[in-house]
């Protein structure tokens, strides 16, 4: 029997083009990143910075593997010295069509 009372509540995060993964469990990344990018695209945010940290590189590789499979991603690269270096990935999303 599954106890819904012990299930954690959803966390609301600001959709501002910067996603810091330090505050999330690694198991959440595979659903969090696509959902966040989709919401950014919906809001017209096409430049996104994902902060995954430097560490061992496991989280960075996971993020990059996700980005490779996402049609909404026009491109991505590691950050430079002003945007987090190799502890962050800069993502460019495809724009959405403007409504009349």
C-alpha atoms as a PDB file:
ATOM      1  CA  UNK A   1       0.000   0.000   0.000  1.00  0.00           C
ATOM      2  CA  UNK A   2       1.374   3.408  -0.964  1.00  0.00           C
ATOM      3  CA  UNK A   3       1.132   6.174   1.618  1.00  0.00           C
ATOM      4  CA  UNK A   4       0.390   9.519  -0.090  1.00  0.00           C
ATOM      5  CA  UNK A   5       0.852  11.425   3.193  1.00  0.00           C
ATOM      6  CA  UNK A   6       4.615  10.790   3.142  1.00  0.00           C
ATOM      7  CA  UNK A   7       5.016  11.868  -0.480  1.00  0.00           C
ATOM      8  CA  UNK A   8       6.971  15.143  -0.677  1.00  0.00           C
ATOM      9  CA  UNK A   9       5.123  18.206  -1.912  1.00  0.00           C
ATOM     10  CA  UNK A  10       6.056  19.620  -5.317  1.00  0.00           C
ATOM     11  CA  UNK A  11       8.667  22.350  -5.125  1.00  0.00           C
ATOM     12  CA  UNK A  12       7.951  25.600  -6.933  1.00  0.00           C
ATOM     13  CA  UNK A  13      10.980  27.105  -8.592  1.00  0.00           C
ATOM     14  CA  UNK A  14      11.207  30.423 -10.403  1.00  0.00           C
ATOM     15  CA  UNK A  15      11.270  30.181 -14.191  1.00  0.00           C
ATOM     16  CA  UNK A  16      13.916  32.822 -14.867  1.00  0.00           C
ATOM     17  CA  UNK A  17      16.369  31.097 -17.189  1.00  0.00           C
ATOM     18  CA  UNK A  18      18.692  29.796 -14.453  1.00  0.00           C
ATOM     19  CA  UNK A  19      18.231  26.282 -13.102  1.00  0.00           C
ATOM     20  CA  UNK A  20      20.535  25.374 -10.187  1.00  0.00           C
ATOM     21  CA  UNK A  21      20.519  21.606  -9.795  1.00  0.00           C
ATOM     22  CA  UNK A  22      22.385  21.695  -6.466  1.00  0.00           C
ATOM     23  CA  UNK A  23      19.081  21.848  -4.596  1.00  0.00           C
ATOM     24  CA  UNK A  24      17.576  18.769  -6.276  1.00  0.00           C
ATOM     25  CA  UNK A  25      18.123  15.048  -5.939  1.00  0.00           C
ATOM     26  CA  UNK A  26      20.005  13.531  -8.894  1.00  0.00           C
ATOM     27  CA  UNK A  27      17.025  11.225  -9.463  1.00  0.00           C
ATOM     28  CA  UNK A  28      14.845  14.292 -10.207  1.00  0.00           C
ATOM     29  CA  UNK A  29      17.061  15.653 -12.990  1.00  0.00           C
ATOM     30  CA  UNK A  30      15.669  13.482 -15.807  1.00  0.00           C
ATOM     31  CA  UNK A  31      12.192  14.960 -15.384  1.00  0.00           C
ATOM     32  CA  UNK A  32      13.132  18.359 -13.970  1.00  0.00           C
ATOM     33  CA  UNK A  33      15.362  19.564 -16.824  1.00  0.00           C
ATOM     34  CA  UNK A  34      12.885  18.860 -19.669  1.00  0.00           C
ATOM     35  CA  UNK A  35       9.961  20.334 -17.692  1.00  0.00           C
ATOM     36  CA  UNK A  36      11.946  23.462 -16.814  1.00  0.00           C
ATOM     37  CA  UNK A  37      13.131  23.991 -20.399  1.00  0.00           C
ATOM     38  CA  UNK A  38       9.620  23.494 -21.750  1.00  0.00           C
ATOM     39  CA  UNK A  39       8.300  26.129 -19.354  1.00  0.00           C
ATOM     40  CA  UNK A  40      11.131  28.514 -20.305  1.00  0.00           C
ATOM     41  CA  UNK A  41      10.295  28.053 -23.974  1.00  0.00           C
ATOM     42  CA  UNK A  42       6.607  28.641 -23.259  1.00  0.00           C
ATOM     43  CA  UNK A  43       7.505  31.917 -21.518  1.00  0.00           C
ATOM     44  CA  UNK A  44       9.773  33.031 -24.375  1.00  0.00           C
ATOM     45  CA  UNK A  45      13.027  32.454 -22.489  1.00  0.00           C
ATOM     46  CA  UNK A  46      15.413  31.028 -25.074  1.00  0.00           C
ATOM     47  CA  UNK A  47      18.750  31.351 -23.235  1.00  0.00           C
ATOM     48  CA  UNK A  48      18.989  29.114 -20.174  1.00  0.00           C
ATOM     49  CA  UNK A  49      21.852  28.388 -17.778  1.00  0.00           C
ATOM     50  CA  UNK A  50      21.811  25.014 -16.039  1.00  0.00           C
ATOM     51  CA  UNK A  51      24.145  24.877 -13.037  1.00  0.00           C
ATOM     52  CA  UNK A  52      25.219  21.292 -12.435  1.00  0.00           C
ATOM     53  CA  UNK A  53      28.471  21.913 -10.585  1.00  0.00           C
ATOM     54  CA  UNK A  54      31.936  20.640 -11.392  1.00  0.00           C
ATOM     55  CA  UNK A  55      32.222  17.554  -9.179  1.00  0.00           C
ATOM     56  CA  UNK A  56      32.912  14.282 -10.968  1.00  0.00           C
ATOM     57  CA  UNK A  57      31.060  15.271 -14.141  1.00  0.00           C
ATOM     58  CA  UNK A  58      28.299  12.698 -13.758  1.00  0.00           C
ATOM     59  CA  UNK A  59      25.516  15.265 -13.468  1.00  0.00           C
ATOM     60  CA  UNK A  60      26.935  17.289 -16.393  1.00  0.00           C
ATOM     61  CA  UNK A  61      26.964  14.163 -18.571  1.00  0.00           C
ATOM     62  CA  UNK A  62      23.376  13.376 -17.565  1.00  0.00           C
ATOM     63  CA  UNK A  63      22.255  16.920 -18.434  1.00  0.00           C
ATOM     64  CA  UNK A  64      24.074  16.834 -21.782  1.00  0.00           C
ATOM     65  CA  UNK A  65      22.570  13.437 -22.653  1.00  0.00           C
ATOM     66  CA  UNK A  66      19.097  14.853 -21.941  1.00  0.00           C
ATOM     67  CA  UNK A  67      19.763  17.960 -24.043  1.00  0.00           C
ATOM     68  CA  UNK A  68      20.943  15.829 -26.979  1.00  0.00           C
ATOM     69  CA  UNK A  69      17.531  14.137 -27.122  1.00  0.00           C
ATOM     70  CA  UNK A  70      15.386  17.276 -26.850  1.00  0.00           C
ATOM     71  CA  UNK A  71      14.014  18.784 -30.068  1.00  0.00           C
ATOM     72  CA  UNK A  72      13.446  22.144 -28.370  1.00  0.00           C
ATOM     73  CA  UNK A  73      17.208  22.551 -27.810  1.00  0.00           C
ATOM     74  CA  UNK A  74      18.911  24.452 -30.629  1.00  0.00           C
ATOM     75  CA  UNK A  75      22.346  24.063 -29.026  1.00  0.00           C
ATOM     76  CA  UNK A  76      24.331  24.062 -25.806  1.00  0.00           C
ATOM     77  CA  UNK A  77      27.862  24.579 -24.529  1.00  0.00           C
ATOM     78  CA  UNK A  78      29.741  24.733 -21.268  1.00  0.00           C
ATOM     79  CA  UNK A  79      29.795  28.106 -19.543  1.00  0.00           C
ATOM     80  CA  UNK A  80      32.718  30.486 -19.808  1.00  0.00           C
ATOM     81  CA  UNK A  81      34.552  32.220 -16.956  1.00  0.00           C
ATOM     82  CA  UNK A  82      31.621  34.641 -16.549  1.00  0.00           C
ATOM     83  CA  UNK A  83      28.839  32.058 -16.510  1.00  0.00           C
ATOM     84  CA  UNK A  84      30.030  29.222 -14.300  1.00  0.00           C
ATOM     85  CA  UNK A  85      32.800  27.630 -16.348  1.00  0.00           C
ATOM     86  CA  UNK A  86      32.490  23.882 -16.747  1.00  0.00           C
ATOM     87  CA  UNK A  87      30.151  23.795 -13.745  1.00  0.00           C
ATOM     88  CA  UNK A  88      27.324  25.186 -15.882  1.00  0.00           C
ATOM     89  CA  UNK A  89      25.830  24.530 -19.292  1.00  0.00           C
ATOM     90  CA  UNK A  90      24.383  27.304 -21.438  1.00  0.00           C
ATOM     91  CA  UNK A  91      21.390  26.175 -23.465  1.00  0.00           C
ATOM     92  CA  UNK A  92      19.824  27.868 -26.477  1.00  0.00           C
ATOM     93  CA  UNK A  93      16.196  26.900 -27.054  1.00  0.00           C
ATOM     94  CA  UNK A  94      14.346  27.074 -30.306  1.00  0.00           C
ATOM     95  CA  UNK A  95      11.951  30.016 -30.311  1.00  0.00           C
ATOM     96  CA  UNK A  96       8.243  29.488 -30.344  1.00  0.00           C
ATOM     97  CA  UNK A  97       5.957  30.870 -32.978  1.00  0.00           C
ATOM     98  CA  UNK A  98       4.433  34.200 -32.034  1.00  0.00           C
ATOM     99  CA  UNK A  99       0.686  34.346 -31.827  1.00  0.00           C
ATOM    100  CA  UNK A 100      -1.188  36.882 -33.980  1.00  0.00           C
END
